[in-house]
Amino acid sequence: MAVSDGSVRPRRPLYTPEERARRDATVWTLVQGVLAPLQFTVFAVSLVMVIRFLAGGAGYEAATASIVVKTAVLYTIMVTGAIWEKAVFGRYLFAPAFFWEDVVSFAVIALHSAYLWALWSGAAGPVGEMAIALAAYAAYVVNAGQFLWKLRQARIEGDGTAGPERVTA
């Protein structure tokens, strides 16, 4: 990053040595490392079911169940991710290293929650519910990309022994 005198300011590393040690020592890193691919798998299966319903009108119940499961996994990974962030950075949310990922995570949670509200209230109808789910899934893909980028950064900065990162989306 260039500063006013034209020099380049070094970027703050993703983790200080102390944060890296806490990240590697906490069980919550493993929990995140297990939940992230599980959530992606649930997302992929659910996305197929939602598209199948929207394309042909069949499978509403299966698509709905898959979105509810995806949302439950999301809530779980968000809570455990906040615990991870507290263990590593000393705060539950918005640690500087993951600030924007947390901001987008809140949008993901809001959209998944809007889906649950639409399902519960019946206000949007089946097609509207699926549209909300697709918006939630699009936000999730963006958020997952953010976390994958951070995982890549951590591995580049690390000593080669970096473990799984927090991947909440």
N, C-alpha and C. Protein backbone atom coordinates (compact mmCIF):
# COMPACT_ATOMS: atom_id res chain seq x y z
N MET A 1 0.85 -1.16 0.00
CA MET A 1 0.00 0.00 0.00
C MET A 1 0.90 1.23 0.00
N ALA A 2 0.70 2.15 -0.94
CA ALA A 2 1.52 3.35 -1.03
C ALA A 2 1.09 4.35 0.03
N VAL A 3 2.08 5.01 0.61
CA VAL A 3 1.81 6.09 1.57
C VAL A 3 2.20 7.40 0.92
N SER A 4 1.94 8.52 1.59
CA SER A 4 2.09 9.84 0.97
C SER A 4 3.51 10.11 0.46
N ASP A 5 4.53 9.53 1.04
CA ASP A 5 5.89 9.79 0.58
C ASP A 5 6.30 8.88 -0.58
N GLY A 6 5.36 8.08 -1.07
CA GLY A 6 5.62 7.21 -2.21
C GLY A 6 6.15 5.84 -1.84
N SER A 7 6.51 5.67 -0.59
CA SER A 7 7.00 4.35 -0.17
C SER A 7 5.82 3.40 -0.03
N VAL A 8 6.14 2.15 0.09
CA VAL A 8 5.11 1.13 0.24
C VAL A 8 5.10 0.68 1.68
N ARG A 9 3.93 0.78 2.30
CA ARG A 9 3.76 0.33 3.68
C ARG A 9 3.47 -1.17 3.67
N PRO A 10 4.21 -1.93 4.46
CA PRO A 10 3.93 -3.36 4.50
C PRO A 10 2.55 -3.63 5.07
N ARG A 11 1.89 -4.61 4.50
CA ARG A 11 0.57 -5.01 4.95
C ARG A 11 0.70 -5.76 6.26
N ARG A 12 -0.25 -5.52 7.17
CA ARG A 12 -0.26 -6.24 8.44
C ARG A 12 -0.51 -7.71 8.13
N PRO A 13 0.29 -8.59 8.71
CA PRO A 13 0.03 -10.01 8.47
C PRO A 13 -1.35 -10.40 9.02
N LEU A 14 -1.91 -11.42 8.46
CA LEU A 14 -3.23 -11.89 8.88
C LEU A 14 -3.22 -12.25 10.36
N TYR A 15 -2.17 -12.89 10.82
CA TYR A 15 -2.04 -13.30 12.22
C TYR A 15 -0.71 -12.82 12.77
N THR A 16 -0.74 -12.35 14.01
CA THR A 16 0.52 -12.16 14.73
C THR A 16 1.01 -13.54 15.14
N PRO A 17 2.25 -13.65 15.55
CA PRO A 17 2.71 -14.97 16.01
C PRO A 17 1.85 -15.51 17.17
N GLU A 18 1.41 -14.63 18.07
CA GLU A 18 0.57 -15.06 19.19
C GLU A 18 -0.79 -15.54 18.70
N GLU A 19 -1.39 -14.83 17.76
CA GLU A 19 -2.69 -15.23 17.22
C GLU A 19 -2.57 -16.56 16.47
N ARG A 20 -1.49 -16.70 15.73
CA ARG A 20 -1.27 -17.96 15.00
C ARG A 20 -1.16 -19.12 15.98
N ALA A 21 -0.46 -18.91 17.08
CA ALA A 21 -0.32 -19.96 18.09
C ALA A 21 -1.68 -20.29 18.70
N ARG A 22 -2.46 -19.26 19.01
CA ARG A 22 -3.81 -19.52 19.56
C ARG A 22 -4.69 -20.22 18.54
N ARG A 23 -4.60 -19.81 17.27
CA ARG A 23 -5.37 -20.47 16.21
C ARG A 23 -5.03 -21.95 16.12
N ASP A 24 -3.75 -22.24 16.16
CA ASP A 24 -3.32 -23.63 16.03
C ASP A 24 -3.63 -24.46 17.27
N ALA A 25 -3.79 -23.81 18.42
CA ALA A 25 -4.01 -24.53 19.68
C ALA A 25 -5.49 -24.78 20.00
N THR A 26 -6.38 -24.01 19.42
CA THR A 26 -7.80 -24.13 19.80
C THR A 26 -8.51 -25.22 19.01
N VAL A 27 -9.38 -25.93 19.70
CA VAL A 27 -10.20 -26.96 19.06
C VAL A 27 -11.17 -26.34 18.05
N TRP A 28 -11.48 -25.05 18.22
CA TRP A 28 -12.44 -24.39 17.34
C TRP A 28 -11.93 -24.27 15.91
N THR A 29 -10.61 -24.32 15.73
CA THR A 29 -10.06 -24.33 14.37
C THR A 29 -10.45 -25.63 13.66
N LEU A 30 -10.34 -26.74 14.37
CA LEU A 30 -10.76 -28.02 13.80
C LEU A 30 -12.26 -28.03 13.53
N VAL A 31 -13.04 -27.49 14.46
CA VAL A 31 -14.50 -27.44 14.28
C VAL A 31 -14.83 -26.67 13.00
N GLN A 32 -14.18 -25.53 12.81
CA GLN A 32 -14.42 -24.75 11.59
C GLN A 32 -13.98 -25.52 10.35
N GLY A 33 -12.87 -26.21 10.48
CA GLY A 33 -12.35 -26.99 9.35
C GLY A 33 -13.25 -28.14 8.95
N VAL A 34 -14.04 -28.66 9.88
CA VAL A 34 -15.00 -29.73 9.59
C VAL A 34 -16.31 -29.14 9.07
N LEU A 35 -16.77 -28.08 9.73
CA LEU A 35 -18.07 -27.50 9.36
C LEU A 35 -18.07 -26.82 7.99
N ALA A 36 -16.97 -26.21 7.61
CA ALA A 36 -16.93 -25.49 6.34
C ALA A 36 -17.20 -26.39 5.14
N PRO A 37 -16.50 -27.52 4.98
CA PRO A 37 -16.82 -28.38 3.84
C PRO A 37 -18.19 -29.04 3.96
N LEU A 38 -18.62 -29.30 5.20
CA LEU A 38 -19.98 -29.84 5.39
C LEU A 38 -21.01 -28.83 4.88
N GLN A 39 -20.83 -27.56 5.27
CA GLN A 39 -21.76 -26.53 4.82
C GLN A 39 -21.75 -26.42 3.30
N PHE A 40 -20.57 -26.49 2.68
CA PHE A 40 -20.51 -26.39 1.23
C PHE A 40 -21.23 -27.56 0.57
N THR A 41 -21.08 -28.74 1.11
CA THR A 41 -21.75 -29.91 0.56
C THR A 41 -23.27 -29.76 0.67
N VAL A 42 -23.74 -29.33 1.83
CA VAL A 42 -25.18 -29.11 2.01
C VAL A 42 -25.67 -28.04 1.04
N PHE A 43 -24.89 -26.98 0.88
CA PHE A 43 -25.22 -25.91 -0.07
C PHE A 43 -25.34 -26.46 -1.49
N ALA A 44 -24.37 -27.24 -1.93
CA ALA A 44 -24.38 -27.76 -3.30
C ALA A 44 -25.59 -28.64 -3.56
N VAL A 45 -25.89 -29.53 -2.63
CA VAL A 45 -27.06 -30.41 -2.78
C VAL A 45 -28.33 -29.57 -2.79
N SER A 46 -28.42 -28.62 -1.88
CA SER A 46 -29.61 -27.78 -1.80
C SER A 46 -29.79 -26.94 -3.05
N LEU A 47 -28.70 -26.39 -3.56
CA LEU A 47 -28.79 -25.59 -4.78
C LEU A 47 -29.38 -26.39 -5.93
N VAL A 48 -28.96 -27.62 -6.07
CA VAL A 48 -29.51 -28.49 -7.12
C VAL A 48 -31.01 -28.68 -6.90
N MET A 49 -31.41 -28.91 -5.67
CA MET A 49 -32.84 -29.11 -5.37
C MET A 49 -33.66 -27.85 -5.64
N VAL A 50 -33.12 -26.70 -5.29
CA VAL A 50 -33.83 -25.44 -5.54
C VAL A 50 -33.97 -25.20 -7.03
N ILE A 51 -32.90 -25.39 -7.78
CA ILE A 51 -32.96 -25.20 -9.23
C ILE A 51 -33.92 -26.20 -9.86
N ARG A 52 -33.90 -27.43 -9.39
CA ARG A 52 -34.83 -28.45 -9.89
C ARG A 52 -36.27 -28.01 -9.68
N PHE A 53 -36.57 -27.49 -8.49
CA PHE A 53 -37.93 -27.01 -8.23
C PHE A 53 -38.28 -25.84 -9.14
N LEU A 54 -37.40 -24.87 -9.24
CA LEU A 54 -37.70 -23.69 -10.06
C LEU A 54 -37.82 -24.03 -11.54
N ALA A 55 -37.04 -25.00 -12.00
CA ALA A 55 -37.08 -25.37 -13.41
C ALA A 55 -38.30 -26.21 -13.77
N GLY A 56 -38.74 -27.06 -12.84
CA GLY A 56 -39.82 -27.97 -13.21
C GLY A 56 -41.00 -28.00 -12.27
N GLY A 57 -40.92 -27.31 -11.16
CA GLY A 57 -42.03 -27.27 -10.23
C GLY A 57 -42.14 -28.48 -9.32
N ALA A 58 -41.21 -29.41 -9.42
CA ALA A 58 -41.26 -30.61 -8.58
C ALA A 58 -40.23 -30.52 -7.47
N GLY A 59 -40.56 -31.13 -6.34
CA GLY A 59 -39.59 -31.24 -5.26
C GLY A 59 -39.56 -30.08 -4.29
N TYR A 60 -40.67 -29.37 -4.15
CA TYR A 60 -40.71 -28.23 -3.23
C TYR A 60 -40.32 -28.65 -1.81
N GLU A 61 -40.88 -29.75 -1.33
CA GLU A 61 -40.63 -30.18 0.05
C GLU A 61 -39.16 -30.51 0.26
N ALA A 62 -38.56 -31.21 -0.68
CA ALA A 62 -37.14 -31.57 -0.57
C ALA A 62 -36.26 -30.31 -0.61
N ALA A 63 -36.58 -29.40 -1.52
CA ALA A 63 -35.82 -28.16 -1.61
C ALA A 63 -35.95 -27.36 -0.31
N THR A 64 -37.16 -27.29 0.20
CA THR A 64 -37.40 -26.56 1.45
C THR A 64 -36.61 -27.18 2.60
N ALA A 65 -36.67 -28.48 2.74
CA ALA A 65 -35.93 -29.16 3.80
C ALA A 65 -34.43 -28.90 3.66
N SER A 66 -33.94 -28.92 2.44
CA SER A 66 -32.50 -28.71 2.23
C SER A 66 -32.09 -27.29 2.60
N ILE A 67 -32.94 -26.32 2.34
CA ILE A 67 -32.62 -24.93 2.71
C ILE A 67 -32.64 -24.77 4.22
N VAL A 68 -33.59 -25.40 4.87
CA VAL A 68 -33.65 -25.34 6.34
C VAL A 68 -32.39 -25.98 6.94
N VAL A 69 -31.97 -27.11 6.40
CA VAL A 69 -30.74 -27.76 6.89
C VAL A 69 -29.54 -26.85 6.63
N LYS A 70 -29.46 -26.27 5.44
CA LYS A 70 -28.35 -25.35 5.11
C LYS A 70 -28.33 -24.19 6.11
N THR A 71 -29.50 -23.66 6.44
CA THR A 71 -29.58 -22.54 7.37
C THR A 71 -29.13 -22.96 8.77
N ALA A 72 -29.52 -24.15 9.19
CA ALA A 72 -29.10 -24.65 10.50
C ALA A 72 -27.58 -24.82 10.56
N VAL A 73 -27.00 -25.34 9.49
CA VAL A 73 -25.55 -25.50 9.45
C VAL A 73 -24.89 -24.11 9.46
N LEU A 74 -25.45 -23.17 8.73
CA LEU A 74 -24.93 -21.80 8.72
C LEU A 74 -24.94 -21.21 10.12
N TYR A 75 -26.06 -21.29 10.81
CA TYR A 75 -26.14 -20.76 12.18
C TYR A 75 -25.09 -21.42 13.07
N THR A 76 -24.91 -22.72 12.93
CA THR A 76 -23.93 -23.44 13.73
C THR A 76 -22.52 -22.95 13.44
N ILE A 77 -22.18 -22.80 12.17
CA ILE A 77 -20.83 -22.37 11.82
C ILE A 77 -20.61 -20.91 12.20
N MET A 78 -21.66 -20.12 12.20
CA MET A 78 -21.51 -18.72 12.62
C MET A 78 -21.26 -18.61 14.11
N VAL A 79 -21.97 -19.38 14.91
CA VAL A 79 -21.76 -19.34 16.37
C VAL A 79 -20.37 -19.88 16.70
N THR A 80 -20.02 -21.02 16.13
CA THR A 80 -18.70 -21.58 16.44
C THR A 80 -17.58 -20.72 15.86
N GLY A 81 -17.85 -20.04 14.75
CA GLY A 81 -16.87 -19.12 14.18
C GLY A 81 -16.64 -17.92 15.08
N ALA A 82 -17.70 -17.42 15.71
CA ALA A 82 -17.54 -16.32 16.66
C ALA A 82 -16.72 -16.77 17.86
N ILE A 83 -16.95 -17.98 18.31
CA ILE A 83 -16.16 -18.53 19.43
C ILE A 83 -14.70 -18.66 19.00
N TRP A 84 -14.46 -19.13 17.77
CA TRP A 84 -13.11 -19.24 17.23
C TRP A 84 -12.45 -17.87 17.22
N GLU A 85 -13.17 -16.86 16.73
CA GLU A 85 -12.62 -15.51 16.63
C GLU A 85 -12.25 -14.98 18.02
N LYS A 86 -13.07 -15.27 19.01
CA LYS A 86 -12.78 -14.87 20.39
C LYS A 86 -11.52 -15.57 20.89
N ALA A 87 -11.40 -16.86 20.61
CA ALA A 87 -10.23 -17.62 21.06
C ALA A 87 -8.94 -17.12 20.41
N VAL A 88 -9.02 -16.73 19.15
CA VAL A 88 -7.82 -16.33 18.42
C VAL A 88 -7.51 -14.84 18.57
N PHE A 89 -8.55 -13.99 18.43
CA PHE A 89 -8.34 -12.55 18.38
C PHE A 89 -8.82 -11.79 19.62
N GLY A 90 -9.51 -12.49 20.53
CA GLY A 90 -9.96 -11.84 21.75
C GLY A 90 -11.27 -11.09 21.62
N ARG A 91 -11.96 -11.25 20.51
CA ARG A 91 -13.28 -10.65 20.33
C ARG A 91 -14.13 -11.59 19.49
N TYR A 92 -15.43 -11.56 19.76
CA TYR A 92 -16.33 -12.50 19.09
C TYR A 92 -16.55 -12.19 17.62
N LEU A 93 -16.51 -10.94 17.26
CA LEU A 93 -16.76 -10.57 15.86
C LEU A 93 -15.95 -9.33 15.51
N PHE A 94 -15.76 -9.15 14.23
CA PHE A 94 -15.16 -7.95 13.66
C PHE A 94 -13.71 -7.72 14.08
N ALA A 95 -12.97 -8.80 14.29
CA ALA A 95 -11.52 -8.66 14.45
C ALA A 95 -10.99 -8.08 13.14
N PRO A 96 -10.03 -7.18 13.22
CA PRO A 96 -9.56 -6.53 11.98
C PRO A 96 -9.22 -7.50 10.85
N ALA A 97 -8.64 -8.64 11.16
CA ALA A 97 -8.24 -9.59 10.12
C ALA A 97 -9.44 -10.17 9.37
N PHE A 98 -10.62 -10.19 10.01
CA PHE A 98 -11.80 -10.79 9.39
C PHE A 98 -13.00 -9.84 9.37
N PHE A 99 -12.73 -8.54 9.42
CA PHE A 99 -13.82 -7.57 9.52
C PHE A 99 -14.80 -7.70 8.35
N TRP A 100 -14.32 -7.63 7.12
CA TRP A 100 -15.23 -7.65 5.96
C TRP A 100 -15.88 -9.00 5.76
N GLU A 101 -15.21 -10.06 6.15
CA GLU A 101 -15.83 -11.38 6.08
C GLU A 101 -17.00 -11.45 7.05
N ASP A 102 -16.83 -10.85 8.24
CA ASP A 102 -17.92 -10.83 9.21
C ASP A 102 -19.08 -9.96 8.73
N VAL A 103 -18.77 -8.83 8.10
CA VAL A 103 -19.83 -7.97 7.56
C VAL A 103 -20.67 -8.74 6.54
N VAL A 104 -20.01 -9.38 5.60
CA VAL A 104 -20.75 -10.14 4.58
C VAL A 104 -21.46 -11.33 5.21
N SER A 105 -20.86 -11.94 6.24
CA SER A 105 -21.53 -13.04 6.94
C SER A 105 -22.87 -12.60 7.51
N PHE A 106 -22.94 -11.38 8.01
CA PHE A 106 -24.21 -10.89 8.53
C PHE A 106 -25.25 -10.75 7.43
N ALA A 107 -24.84 -10.37 6.24
CA ALA A 107 -25.78 -10.33 5.11
C ALA A 107 -26.26 -11.74 4.77
N VAL A 108 -25.34 -12.70 4.81
CA VAL A 108 -25.70 -14.10 4.54
C VAL A 108 -26.71 -14.58 5.58
N ILE A 109 -26.45 -14.30 6.83
CA ILE A 109 -27.38 -14.69 7.90
C ILE A 109 -28.73 -14.00 7.72
N ALA A 110 -28.71 -12.73 7.39
CA ALA A 110 -29.96 -11.99 7.21
C ALA A 110 -30.79 -12.60 6.08
N LEU A 111 -30.16 -12.95 4.99
CA LEU A 111 -30.90 -13.53 3.86
C LEU A 111 -31.44 -14.92 4.20
N HIS A 112 -30.65 -15.74 4.87
CA HIS A 112 -31.14 -17.06 5.28
C HIS A 112 -32.29 -16.91 6.28
N SER A 113 -32.17 -15.95 7.17
CA SER A 113 -33.24 -15.70 8.14
C SER A 113 -34.49 -15.17 7.45
N ALA A 114 -34.32 -14.35 6.43
CA ALA A 114 -35.47 -13.86 5.65
C ALA A 114 -36.17 -15.03 4.98
N TYR A 115 -35.39 -15.99 4.50
CA TYR A 115 -36.00 -17.19 3.92
C TYR A 115 -36.87 -17.90 4.97
N LEU A 116 -36.31 -18.10 6.16
CA LEU A 116 -37.09 -18.79 7.21
C LEU A 116 -38.36 -18.02 7.54
N TRP A 117 -38.27 -16.70 7.59
CA TRP A 117 -39.46 -15.88 7.85
C TRP A 117 -40.48 -16.07 6.73
N ALA A 118 -40.02 -16.02 5.48
CA ALA A 118 -40.93 -16.20 4.34
C ALA A 118 -41.58 -17.58 4.38
N LEU A 119 -40.82 -18.59 4.72
CA LEU A 119 -41.35 -19.95 4.82
C LEU A 119 -42.40 -20.02 5.93
N TRP A 120 -42.06 -19.51 7.08
CA TRP A 120 -42.96 -19.56 8.24
C TRP A 120 -44.23 -18.75 8.01
N SER A 121 -44.08 -17.57 7.43
CA SER A 121 -45.24 -16.68 7.26
C SER A 121 -46.06 -16.98 6.02
N GLY A 122 -45.45 -17.63 5.05
CA GLY A 122 -46.13 -17.87 3.78
C GLY A 122 -46.27 -16.62 2.93
N ALA A 123 -45.58 -15.57 3.31
CA ALA A 123 -45.74 -14.27 2.64
C ALA A 123 -45.21 -14.23 1.22
N ALA A 124 -44.24 -15.07 0.89
CA ALA A 124 -43.61 -14.97 -0.43
C ALA A 124 -44.06 -16.05 -1.40
N GLY A 125 -44.69 -17.12 -0.91
CA GLY A 125 -45.05 -18.23 -1.78
C GLY A 125 -43.83 -19.04 -2.15
N PRO A 126 -44.03 -20.22 -2.70
CA PRO A 126 -42.91 -21.12 -2.99
C PRO A 126 -41.84 -20.52 -3.90
N VAL A 127 -42.23 -19.86 -4.97
CA VAL A 127 -41.23 -19.30 -5.89
C VAL A 127 -40.49 -18.15 -5.22
N GLY A 128 -41.19 -17.31 -4.49
CA GLY A 128 -40.55 -16.23 -3.76
C GLY A 128 -39.57 -16.75 -2.71
N GLU A 129 -39.97 -17.80 -2.02
CA GLU A 129 -39.07 -18.41 -1.03
C GLU A 129 -37.79 -18.88 -1.70
N MET A 130 -37.93 -19.54 -2.84
CA MET A 130 -36.75 -20.05 -3.54
C MET A 130 -35.88 -18.90 -4.06
N ALA A 131 -36.50 -17.81 -4.46
CA ALA A 131 -35.73 -16.63 -4.90
C ALA A 131 -34.91 -16.07 -3.74
N ILE A 132 -35.52 -16.00 -2.57
CA ILE A 132 -34.78 -15.55 -1.38
C ILE A 132 -33.64 -16.51 -1.09
N ALA A 133 -33.90 -17.79 -1.19
CA ALA A 133 -32.85 -18.78 -0.95
C ALA A 133 -31.70 -18.60 -1.94
N LEU A 134 -32.02 -18.36 -3.21
CA LEU A 134 -30.96 -18.15 -4.19
C LEU A 134 -30.14 -16.90 -3.88
N ALA A 135 -30.79 -15.84 -3.42
CA ALA A 135 -30.06 -14.63 -3.02
C ALA A 135 -29.15 -14.94 -1.83
N ALA A 136 -29.66 -15.71 -0.88
CA ALA A 136 -28.86 -16.11 0.27
C ALA A 136 -27.66 -16.95 -0.18
N TYR A 137 -27.89 -17.83 -1.14
CA TYR A 137 -26.82 -18.69 -1.63
C TYR A 137 -25.78 -17.88 -2.40
N ALA A 138 -26.21 -16.89 -3.16
CA ALA A 138 -25.26 -16.03 -3.87
C ALA A 138 -24.37 -15.28 -2.87
N ALA A 139 -24.97 -14.76 -1.82
CA ALA A 139 -24.19 -14.08 -0.77
C ALA A 139 -23.23 -15.06 -0.10
N TYR A 140 -23.70 -16.28 0.13
CA TYR A 140 -22.85 -17.31 0.73
C TYR A 140 -21.63 -17.60 -0.14
N VAL A 141 -21.82 -17.67 -1.44
CA VAL A 141 -20.70 -17.95 -2.35
C VAL A 141 -19.66 -16.82 -2.26
N VAL A 142 -20.13 -15.58 -2.22
CA VAL A 142 -19.21 -14.45 -2.06
C VAL A 142 -18.44 -14.59 -0.75
N ASN A 143 -19.16 -14.86 0.34
CA ASN A 143 -18.55 -14.98 1.66
C ASN A 143 -17.57 -16.15 1.72
N ALA A 144 -17.95 -17.27 1.14
CA ALA A 144 -17.04 -18.42 1.11
C ALA A 144 -15.76 -18.06 0.35
N GLY A 145 -15.92 -17.32 -0.74
CA GLY A 145 -14.75 -16.86 -1.49
C GLY A 145 -13.84 -15.98 -0.65
N GLN A 146 -14.44 -15.11 0.16
CA GLN A 146 -13.64 -14.27 1.06
C GLN A 146 -12.81 -15.13 2.00
N PHE A 147 -13.44 -16.13 2.59
CA PHE A 147 -12.73 -16.97 3.55
C PHE A 147 -11.68 -17.85 2.87
N LEU A 148 -11.96 -18.31 1.67
CA LEU A 148 -10.95 -19.08 0.94
C LEU A 148 -9.74 -18.21 0.62
N TRP A 149 -9.99 -16.95 0.29
CA TRP A 149 -8.90 -16.02 0.02
C TRP A 149 -8.04 -15.84 1.28
N LYS A 150 -8.70 -15.71 2.44
CA LYS A 150 -7.97 -15.58 3.70
C LYS A 150 -7.19 -16.85 4.01
N LEU A 151 -7.75 -17.98 3.72
CA LEU A 151 -7.03 -19.25 3.92
C LEU A 151 -5.77 -19.26 3.07
N ARG A 152 -5.89 -18.82 1.84
CA ARG A 152 -4.74 -18.74 0.94
C ARG A 152 -3.70 -17.78 1.49
N GLN A 153 -4.15 -16.60 1.95
CA GLN A 153 -3.23 -15.63 2.54
C GLN A 153 -2.49 -16.23 3.73
N ALA A 154 -3.22 -16.90 4.59
CA ALA A 154 -2.61 -17.48 5.79
C ALA A 154 -1.56 -18.52 5.41
N ARG A 155 -1.84 -19.29 4.40
CA ARG A 155 -0.89 -20.32 3.99
C ARG A 155 0.35 -19.68 3.37
N ILE A 156 0.17 -18.60 2.61
CA ILE A 156 1.31 -17.90 2.02
C ILE A 156 2.16 -17.26 3.11
N GLU A 157 1.51 -16.65 4.10
CA GLU A 157 2.24 -15.98 5.19
C GLU A 157 2.81 -16.96 6.19
N GLY A 158 2.21 -18.14 6.28
CA GLY A 158 2.55 -19.08 7.34
C GLY A 158 3.87 -19.77 7.15
N ASP A 159 4.13 -20.64 8.07
CA ASP A 159 5.38 -21.38 8.06
C ASP A 159 5.22 -22.76 7.44
N GLY A 160 4.11 -22.98 6.76
CA GLY A 160 3.88 -24.28 6.13
C GLY A 160 3.12 -25.24 7.01
N THR A 161 2.86 -24.85 8.26
CA THR A 161 2.13 -25.73 9.16
C THR A 161 0.76 -25.18 9.49
N ALA A 162 0.30 -24.22 8.71
CA ALA A 162 -0.99 -23.58 8.99
C ALA A 162 -2.11 -24.61 8.92
N GLY A 163 -2.99 -24.55 9.90
CA GLY A 163 -4.15 -25.43 9.94
C GLY A 163 -5.32 -24.79 9.25
N PRO A 164 -6.49 -25.39 9.32
CA PRO A 164 -7.67 -24.82 8.69
C PRO A 164 -8.01 -23.47 9.30
N GLU A 165 -8.51 -22.60 8.49
CA GLU A 165 -8.90 -21.27 8.94
C GLU A 165 -10.38 -21.24 9.26
N ARG A 166 -10.81 -20.16 9.83
CA ARG A 166 -12.23 -19.95 10.10
C ARG A 166 -12.91 -19.72 8.75
N VAL A 167 -13.85 -20.55 8.42
CA VAL A 167 -14.60 -20.41 7.18
C VAL A 167 -16.07 -20.47 7.57
N THR A 168 -16.71 -19.34 7.83
CA THR A 168 -18.06 -19.35 8.37
C THR A 168 -19.14 -19.27 7.34
N ALA A 169 -18.88 -18.79 6.23
CA ALA A 169 -20.00 -18.61 5.32
C ALA A 169 -20.55 -19.87 4.81
